[in-house]
Amino acid sequence: MMPEMKSLRVSAPEKYSGEDDIKIFDTWVTGLLRWYRVHNITGATKDSVRVDLCGTTLKGDTSEWYSDEVEAWNRPN
C-alpha cells in the first residue's frame, strides 16, 4: 500500500433497506464492493469480515433478516 493511501477514508455505502428496485440494489452492491476494494478487504481469507461488514450496511427489514438468517447462533446451516 502506498503511504499516501493510509490516510484515505472512504465512507461505507448508503444503507440498503430492501427496496424492490434492481437499480437501487445494484448501486448498493457496487458501492459495497468498491468499499471493500478501497479498504483492501479482499481475498478468501477475509470472507467472514466482508459478511460482517455487509451487515453494517443494511437497515430496516433487511437488517432484521440479516440478524435472523446470518448472525443468529441458532440458525439452520
Protein backbone atom coordinates (compact mmCIF):
# COMPACT_ATOMS: atom_id res chain seq x y z
CA MET A 1 0.00 0.00 0.00
CA MET A 2 1.28 3.45 -0.87
CA PRO A 3 1.96 5.73 2.15
CA GLU A 4 -0.48 8.38 0.94
CA MET A 5 -3.24 5.75 0.85
CA LYS A 6 -3.02 5.07 4.60
CA SER A 7 -4.96 8.22 5.43
CA LEU A 8 -7.59 7.66 2.72
CA ARG A 9 -11.02 7.00 4.19
CA VAL A 10 -13.98 6.14 2.02
CA SER A 11 -17.42 6.18 3.59
CA ALA A 12 -19.45 3.00 3.59
CA PRO A 13 -22.22 2.83 1.01
CA GLU A 14 -25.65 4.11 1.96
CA LYS A 15 -27.60 1.52 3.90
CA TYR A 16 -29.86 -0.76 1.90
CA SER A 17 -33.36 -1.39 3.21
CA GLY A 18 -34.59 -3.95 0.71
CA GLU A 19 -36.31 -1.78 -1.88
CA ASP A 20 -37.80 -3.81 -4.71
CA ASP A 21 -35.78 -1.92 -7.32
CA ILE A 22 -32.89 -3.57 -9.14
CA LYS A 23 -31.16 -0.24 -9.79
CA ILE A 24 -31.10 0.63 -6.09
CA PHE A 25 -29.84 -2.86 -5.20
CA ASP A 26 -27.20 -2.79 -7.95
CA THR A 27 -25.98 0.63 -6.81
CA TRP A 28 -25.73 -0.62 -3.23
CA VAL A 29 -23.82 -3.79 -4.20
CA THR A 30 -21.46 -1.82 -6.45
CA GLY A 31 -20.76 0.65 -3.64
CA LEU A 32 -20.22 -2.16 -1.14
CA LEU A 33 -17.74 -3.96 -3.41
CA ARG A 34 -15.89 -0.70 -4.12
CA TRP A 35 -15.68 -0.02 -0.37
CA TYR A 36 -14.20 -3.48 0.19
CA ARG A 37 -11.59 -2.97 -2.55
CA VAL A 38 -10.54 0.50 -1.39
CA HIS A 39 -10.02 -0.79 2.14
CA ASN A 40 -8.27 -3.93 0.87
CA ILE A 41 -10.92 -6.24 2.31
CA THR A 42 -10.46 -8.77 -0.46
CA GLY A 43 -9.47 -12.39 -0.83
CA ALA A 44 -10.81 -15.63 0.57
CA THR A 45 -9.21 -15.10 3.99
CA LYS A 46 -11.40 -12.04 4.57
CA ASP A 47 -14.76 -13.62 3.68
CA SER A 48 -16.05 -13.53 7.27
CA VAL A 49 -15.03 -9.87 7.66
CA ARG A 50 -16.90 -8.97 4.46
CA VAL A 51 -20.02 -10.79 5.68
CA ASP A 52 -19.89 -8.91 8.99
CA LEU A 53 -19.33 -5.56 7.28
CA CYS A 54 -22.17 -6.24 4.87
CA GLY A 55 -24.49 -6.39 7.87
CA THR A 56 -23.48 -2.87 8.86
CA THR A 57 -24.77 -1.53 5.54
CA LEU A 58 -28.35 -2.76 5.98
CA LYS A 59 -31.36 -1.16 7.62
CA GLY A 60 -34.99 -1.95 8.32
CA ASP A 61 -36.30 -5.32 7.24
CA THR A 62 -33.00 -6.29 5.60
CA SER A 63 -31.13 -5.69 8.84
CA GLU A 64 -33.64 -7.83 10.72
CA TRP A 65 -33.32 -10.57 8.07
CA TYR A 66 -29.52 -10.42 8.37
CA SER A 67 -29.70 -10.79 12.14
CA ASP A 68 -32.09 -13.74 11.90
CA GLU A 69 -30.56 -15.58 8.96
CA VAL A 70 -26.84 -14.75 9.03
CA GLU A 71 -25.86 -13.87 12.59
CA ALA A 72 -28.27 -15.89 14.73
CA TRP A 73 -26.47 -18.54 16.75
CA ASN A 74 -29.38 -20.99 16.28
CA ARG A 75 -29.90 -20.50 12.55
CA PRO A 76 -30.01 -23.63 10.40
CA ASN A 77 -26.89 -24.17 8.29
